[in-house]
Amino acid sequence: VQLVESGGGLVQPGGSLRLSCVASGFTFSRYGMNWFRQVHGKERELVAAISSAGRSTNYADSVKGRFTISRDNAKNTVYLQMNSLKPEDTAVYYCNSQGVWGQGTQVTVSS
């Protein structure tokens, strides 16, 4: 199982980014997918989750209404669309499924 994230970067407050996570090594369409984030020195926190078929999603209260998780099972890819970004969204964002983690992608929100 391998998960590879991309799409992070530096963005100004109020801006947007879309993260992608490409999965391989398992039948992607059978498993739920998660996005976590971690600030250095703090615990990793769940940001968003999506069911295997994409019909069910859940979000941390801190990102509700600003972030959207989605997936394309034909492309083995899960996305995290992040809008109205705030400095407190700065973190390393990780894709996760079945106990496996990607390498993470850094998101920095700063003016």
N, C-alpha and C. Protein backbone atom coordinates (compact mmCIF):
# COMPACT_ATOMS: atom_id res chain seq x y z
N VAL A 1 0.85 -1.19 0.00
CA VAL A 1 0.00 0.00 0.00
C VAL A 1 0.88 1.23 0.00
N GLN A 2 0.58 2.17 -0.88
CA GLN A 2 1.35 3.41 -0.93
C GLN A 2 0.40 4.58 -1.15
N LEU A 3 0.68 5.65 -0.43
CA LEU A 3 -0.11 6.87 -0.55
C LEU A 3 0.86 8.02 -0.80
N VAL A 4 0.60 8.81 -1.84
CA VAL A 4 1.50 9.91 -2.19
C VAL A 4 0.69 11.20 -2.31
N GLU A 5 1.00 12.14 -1.40
CA GLU A 5 0.30 13.42 -1.39
C GLU A 5 1.03 14.45 -2.23
N SER A 6 0.28 15.42 -2.71
CA SER A 6 0.85 16.57 -3.42
C SER A 6 -0.12 17.74 -3.31
N GLY A 7 0.38 18.92 -3.70
CA GLY A 7 -0.49 20.08 -3.76
C GLY A 7 -0.29 21.11 -2.66
N GLY A 8 0.57 20.81 -1.70
CA GLY A 8 0.81 21.78 -0.64
C GLY A 8 1.60 22.97 -1.15
N GLY A 9 1.75 23.96 -0.28
CA GLY A 9 2.51 25.14 -0.66
C GLY A 9 2.24 26.29 0.27
N LEU A 10 2.70 27.47 -0.16
CA LEU A 10 2.51 28.70 0.60
C LEU A 10 1.35 29.48 -0.01
N VAL A 11 0.42 29.89 0.83
CA VAL A 11 -0.75 30.63 0.35
C VAL A 11 -1.07 31.72 1.35
N GLN A 12 -1.63 32.82 0.86
CA GLN A 12 -2.02 33.91 1.75
C GLN A 12 -3.33 33.58 2.46
N PRO A 13 -3.55 34.18 3.62
CA PRO A 13 -4.85 34.00 4.29
C PRO A 13 -6.01 34.35 3.36
N GLY A 14 -7.04 33.50 3.39
CA GLY A 14 -8.18 33.67 2.50
C GLY A 14 -8.04 32.94 1.18
N GLY A 15 -6.86 32.42 0.92
CA GLY A 15 -6.61 31.72 -0.33
C GLY A 15 -7.09 30.28 -0.31
N SER A 16 -6.79 29.57 -1.41
CA SER A 16 -7.23 28.19 -1.57
C SER A 16 -6.09 27.30 -2.05
N LEU A 17 -6.19 26.04 -1.70
CA LEU A 17 -5.30 25.00 -2.21
C LEU A 17 -6.10 23.72 -2.37
N ARG A 18 -5.67 22.89 -3.30
CA ARG A 18 -6.25 21.56 -3.42
C ARG A 18 -5.15 20.52 -3.27
N LEU A 19 -5.31 19.68 -2.27
CA LEU A 19 -4.38 18.57 -2.06
C LEU A 19 -4.89 17.33 -2.77
N SER A 20 -3.95 16.53 -3.25
CA SER A 20 -4.28 15.26 -3.88
C SER A 20 -3.50 14.15 -3.20
N CYS A 21 -4.07 12.97 -3.20
CA CYS A 21 -3.40 11.77 -2.66
C CYS A 21 -3.69 10.63 -3.61
N VAL A 22 -2.65 10.13 -4.24
CA VAL A 22 -2.78 9.00 -5.16
C VAL A 22 -2.43 7.72 -4.42
N ALA A 23 -3.31 6.74 -4.50
CA ALA A 23 -3.14 5.48 -3.79
C ALA A 23 -2.77 4.37 -4.77
N SER A 24 -2.00 3.42 -4.26
CA SER A 24 -1.66 2.24 -5.06
C SER A 24 -1.45 1.06 -4.13
N GLY A 25 -1.55 -0.14 -4.70
CA GLY A 25 -1.27 -1.34 -3.94
C GLY A 25 -2.47 -1.96 -3.25
N PHE A 26 -3.65 -1.39 -3.45
CA PHE A 26 -4.86 -1.97 -2.88
C PHE A 26 -6.05 -1.54 -3.72
N THR A 27 -7.18 -2.16 -3.47
CA THR A 27 -8.40 -1.82 -4.23
C THR A 27 -9.01 -0.58 -3.62
N PHE A 28 -8.65 0.54 -4.19
CA PHE A 28 -8.96 1.85 -3.63
C PHE A 28 -10.45 2.01 -3.35
N SER A 29 -11.28 1.56 -4.25
CA SER A 29 -12.72 1.81 -4.14
C SER A 29 -13.39 1.07 -2.99
N ARG A 30 -12.67 0.20 -2.33
CA ARG A 30 -13.24 -0.56 -1.22
C ARG A 30 -13.01 0.08 0.14
N TYR A 31 -12.22 1.14 0.19
CA TYR A 31 -11.80 1.66 1.49
C TYR A 31 -12.09 3.14 1.67
N GLY A 32 -12.46 3.49 2.90
CA GLY A 32 -12.56 4.88 3.25
C GLY A 32 -11.19 5.52 3.27
N MET A 33 -11.17 6.82 3.11
CA MET A 33 -9.92 7.58 3.09
C MET A 33 -10.02 8.76 4.04
N ASN A 34 -8.88 9.15 4.58
CA ASN A 34 -8.84 10.23 5.56
C ASN A 34 -7.74 11.23 5.23
N TRP A 35 -7.97 12.47 5.62
CA TRP A 35 -6.92 13.49 5.64
C TRP A 35 -6.70 13.89 7.10
N PHE A 36 -5.45 13.87 7.53
CA PHE A 36 -5.03 14.33 8.84
C PHE A 36 -4.09 15.52 8.63
N ARG A 37 -3.87 16.24 9.71
CA ARG A 37 -2.82 17.27 9.69
C ARG A 37 -2.10 17.27 11.03
N GLN A 38 -0.87 17.77 10.99
CA GLN A 38 -0.05 17.80 12.20
C GLN A 38 0.81 19.04 12.22
N VAL A 39 0.73 19.75 13.31
CA VAL A 39 1.62 20.87 13.60
C VAL A 39 2.77 20.32 14.43
N HIS A 40 3.96 20.80 14.15
CA HIS A 40 5.15 20.30 14.84
C HIS A 40 4.95 20.39 16.35
N GLY A 41 5.16 19.24 17.02
CA GLY A 41 5.05 19.21 18.47
C GLY A 41 3.66 18.92 18.99
N LYS A 42 2.70 18.80 18.08
CA LYS A 42 1.33 18.51 18.48
C LYS A 42 0.87 17.18 17.88
N GLU A 43 -0.22 16.66 18.42
CA GLU A 43 -0.74 15.40 17.90
C GLU A 43 -1.37 15.59 16.52
N ARG A 44 -1.32 14.51 15.76
CA ARG A 44 -1.96 14.52 14.45
C ARG A 44 -3.47 14.55 14.67
N GLU A 45 -4.19 15.38 13.90
CA GLU A 45 -5.63 15.48 14.05
C GLU A 45 -6.35 15.14 12.75
N LEU A 46 -7.50 14.50 12.88
CA LEU A 46 -8.31 14.17 11.71
C LEU A 46 -8.98 15.42 11.18
N VAL A 47 -8.81 15.68 9.90
CA VAL A 47 -9.40 16.85 9.26
C VAL A 47 -10.68 16.48 8.53
N ALA A 48 -10.62 15.39 7.75
CA ALA A 48 -11.79 15.00 6.95
C ALA A 48 -11.69 13.52 6.62
N ALA A 49 -12.85 12.91 6.42
CA ALA A 49 -12.92 11.50 6.07
C ALA A 49 -14.02 11.31 5.02
N ILE A 50 -13.81 10.29 4.19
CA ILE A 50 -14.80 10.00 3.14
C ILE A 50 -14.96 8.49 3.03
N SER A 51 -16.18 8.05 2.82
CA SER A 51 -16.45 6.62 2.70
C SER A 51 -15.95 6.08 1.36
N SER A 52 -16.00 4.76 1.23
CA SER A 52 -15.42 4.12 0.06
C SER A 52 -16.05 4.59 -1.26
N ALA A 53 -17.36 4.77 -1.26
CA ALA A 53 -18.05 5.21 -2.48
C ALA A 53 -18.19 6.73 -2.55
N GLY A 54 -17.77 7.40 -1.49
CA GLY A 54 -17.84 8.86 -1.49
C GLY A 54 -19.17 9.43 -1.08
N ARG A 55 -20.07 8.58 -0.58
CA ARG A 55 -21.41 9.06 -0.24
C ARG A 55 -21.46 9.71 1.14
N SER A 56 -20.50 9.40 1.98
CA SER A 56 -20.49 9.92 3.34
C SER A 56 -19.18 10.64 3.63
N THR A 57 -19.28 11.82 4.22
CA THR A 57 -18.10 12.59 4.58
C THR A 57 -18.25 13.12 6.00
N ASN A 58 -17.11 13.35 6.63
CA ASN A 58 -17.08 13.95 7.97
C ASN A 58 -15.94 14.94 8.04
N TYR A 59 -16.13 15.98 8.84
CA TYR A 59 -15.12 17.03 8.94
C TYR A 59 -14.89 17.44 10.39
N ALA A 60 -13.68 17.85 10.68
CA ALA A 60 -13.41 18.49 11.96
C ALA A 60 -14.18 19.81 12.01
N ASP A 61 -14.63 20.18 13.21
CA ASP A 61 -15.39 21.42 13.35
C ASP A 61 -14.60 22.63 12.84
N SER A 62 -13.31 22.57 13.00
CA SER A 62 -12.47 23.72 12.64
C SER A 62 -12.42 23.98 11.13
N VAL A 63 -12.80 22.99 10.32
CA VAL A 63 -12.72 23.16 8.86
C VAL A 63 -14.07 23.07 8.15
N LYS A 64 -15.12 22.80 8.90
CA LYS A 64 -16.45 22.67 8.29
C LYS A 64 -16.83 23.95 7.56
N GLY A 65 -17.35 23.77 6.35
CA GLY A 65 -17.75 24.92 5.53
C GLY A 65 -16.61 25.52 4.73
N ARG A 66 -15.37 25.11 5.00
CA ARG A 66 -14.22 25.65 4.27
C ARG A 66 -13.50 24.57 3.45
N PHE A 67 -13.46 23.36 3.97
CA PHE A 67 -12.76 22.26 3.30
C PHE A 67 -13.77 21.27 2.74
N THR A 68 -13.40 20.65 1.63
CA THR A 68 -14.24 19.61 1.02
C THR A 68 -13.37 18.43 0.62
N ILE A 69 -13.73 17.25 1.11
CA ILE A 69 -13.04 16.03 0.72
C ILE A 69 -13.84 15.36 -0.38
N SER A 70 -13.14 14.83 -1.36
CA SER A 70 -13.79 14.12 -2.47
C SER A 70 -12.85 13.04 -2.97
N ARG A 71 -13.36 12.17 -3.82
CA ARG A 71 -12.52 11.10 -4.35
C ARG A 71 -12.94 10.76 -5.76
N ASP A 72 -11.98 10.24 -6.52
CA ASP A 72 -12.22 9.74 -7.87
C ASP A 72 -11.71 8.31 -7.88
N ASN A 73 -12.61 7.36 -7.76
CA ASN A 73 -12.19 5.96 -7.67
C ASN A 73 -11.58 5.46 -8.98
N ALA A 74 -11.91 6.08 -10.09
CA ALA A 74 -11.31 5.69 -11.37
C ALA A 74 -9.84 6.08 -11.43
N LYS A 75 -9.46 7.10 -10.65
CA LYS A 75 -8.07 7.59 -10.64
C LYS A 75 -7.34 7.22 -9.36
N ASN A 76 -7.99 6.45 -8.48
CA ASN A 76 -7.37 6.07 -7.20
C ASN A 76 -6.86 7.29 -6.44
N THR A 77 -7.64 8.33 -6.45
CA THR A 77 -7.19 9.60 -5.88
C THR A 77 -8.25 10.19 -4.95
N VAL A 78 -7.79 10.71 -3.83
CA VAL A 78 -8.64 11.46 -2.92
C VAL A 78 -8.11 12.90 -2.86
N TYR A 79 -9.04 13.84 -2.76
CA TYR A 79 -8.70 15.26 -2.79
C TYR A 79 -9.14 15.94 -1.50
N LEU A 80 -8.49 17.05 -1.21
CA LEU A 80 -8.94 17.93 -0.14
C LEU A 80 -8.89 19.36 -0.69
N GLN A 81 -10.06 19.91 -0.98
CA GLN A 81 -10.16 21.28 -1.42
C GLN A 81 -10.25 22.17 -0.19
N MET A 82 -9.31 23.10 -0.07
CA MET A 82 -9.24 23.96 1.11
C MET A 82 -9.44 25.41 0.68
N ASN A 83 -10.50 26.00 1.13
CA ASN A 83 -10.83 27.39 0.83
C ASN A 83 -10.79 28.24 2.10
N SER A 84 -10.75 29.53 1.91
CA SER A 84 -10.75 30.47 3.04
C SER A 84 -9.71 30.08 4.08
N LEU A 85 -8.52 29.81 3.62
CA LEU A 85 -7.48 29.31 4.51
C LEU A 85 -7.07 30.35 5.54
N LYS A 86 -6.74 29.84 6.72
CA LYS A 86 -6.35 30.67 7.86
C LYS A 86 -4.94 30.29 8.29
N PRO A 87 -4.24 31.18 8.96
CA PRO A 87 -2.89 30.83 9.46
C PRO A 87 -2.89 29.57 10.33
N GLU A 88 -3.96 29.36 11.06
CA GLU A 88 -4.02 28.17 11.92
C GLU A 88 -4.21 26.87 11.14
N ASP A 89 -4.42 26.96 9.85
CA ASP A 89 -4.46 25.75 9.00
C ASP A 89 -3.05 25.29 8.61
N THR A 90 -2.04 26.07 8.95
CA THR A 90 -0.67 25.70 8.65
C THR A 90 -0.31 24.40 9.34
N ALA A 91 0.14 23.42 8.57
CA ALA A 91 0.46 22.10 9.10
C ALA A 91 1.00 21.23 7.97
N VAL A 92 1.48 20.07 8.34
CA VAL A 92 1.75 19.02 7.35
C VAL A 92 0.48 18.19 7.24
N TYR A 93 0.02 18.02 6.02
CA TYR A 93 -1.22 17.28 5.76
C TYR A 93 -0.88 15.88 5.24
N TYR A 94 -1.54 14.88 5.85
CA TYR A 94 -1.27 13.49 5.54
C TYR A 94 -2.54 12.79 5.05
N CYS A 95 -2.35 11.95 4.07
CA CYS A 95 -3.39 11.03 3.60
C CYS A 95 -3.24 9.73 4.38
N ASN A 96 -4.37 9.09 4.66
CA ASN A 96 -4.33 7.90 5.50
C ASN A 96 -5.44 6.93 5.11
N SER A 97 -5.08 5.64 5.15
CA SER A 97 -6.07 4.59 5.00
C SER A 97 -5.47 3.28 5.48
N GLN A 98 -6.24 2.49 6.15
CA GLN A 98 -5.82 1.16 6.61
C GLN A 98 -4.54 1.21 7.43
N GLY A 99 -4.37 2.25 8.20
CA GLY A 99 -3.19 2.34 9.04
C GLY A 99 -1.93 2.76 8.30
N VAL A 100 -2.06 3.09 7.03
CA VAL A 100 -0.90 3.50 6.23
C VAL A 100 -0.95 5.02 6.03
N TRP A 101 0.22 5.64 6.06
CA TRP A 101 0.34 7.09 5.92
C TRP A 101 1.17 7.45 4.70
N GLY A 102 0.81 8.57 4.08
CA GLY A 102 1.67 9.12 3.06
C GLY A 102 2.83 9.87 3.71
N GLN A 103 3.64 10.50 2.87
CA GLN A 103 4.81 11.22 3.38
C GLN A 103 4.46 12.61 3.88
N GLY A 104 3.29 13.08 3.52
CA GLY A 104 2.83 14.40 3.96
C GLY A 104 3.17 15.50 2.97
N THR A 105 2.39 16.56 3.00
CA THR A 105 2.65 17.74 2.19
C THR A 105 2.43 18.97 3.05
N GLN A 106 3.38 19.90 2.99
CA GLN A 106 3.35 21.07 3.86
C GLN A 106 2.40 22.12 3.30
N VAL A 107 1.53 22.62 4.16
CA VAL A 107 0.66 23.76 3.82
C VAL A 107 1.00 24.89 4.78
N THR A 108 1.36 26.02 4.23
CA THR A 108 1.70 27.20 5.03
C THR A 108 0.80 28.35 4.60
N VAL A 109 0.07 28.89 5.56
CA VAL A 109 -0.83 30.01 5.30
C VAL A 109 -0.26 31.24 6.00
N SER A 110 0.24 32.17 5.22
CA SER A 110 0.92 33.33 5.77
C SER A 110 0.92 34.47 4.77
N SER A 111 0.88 35.68 5.29
CA SER A 111 0.99 36.85 4.44
C SER A 111 2.43 37.33 4.34
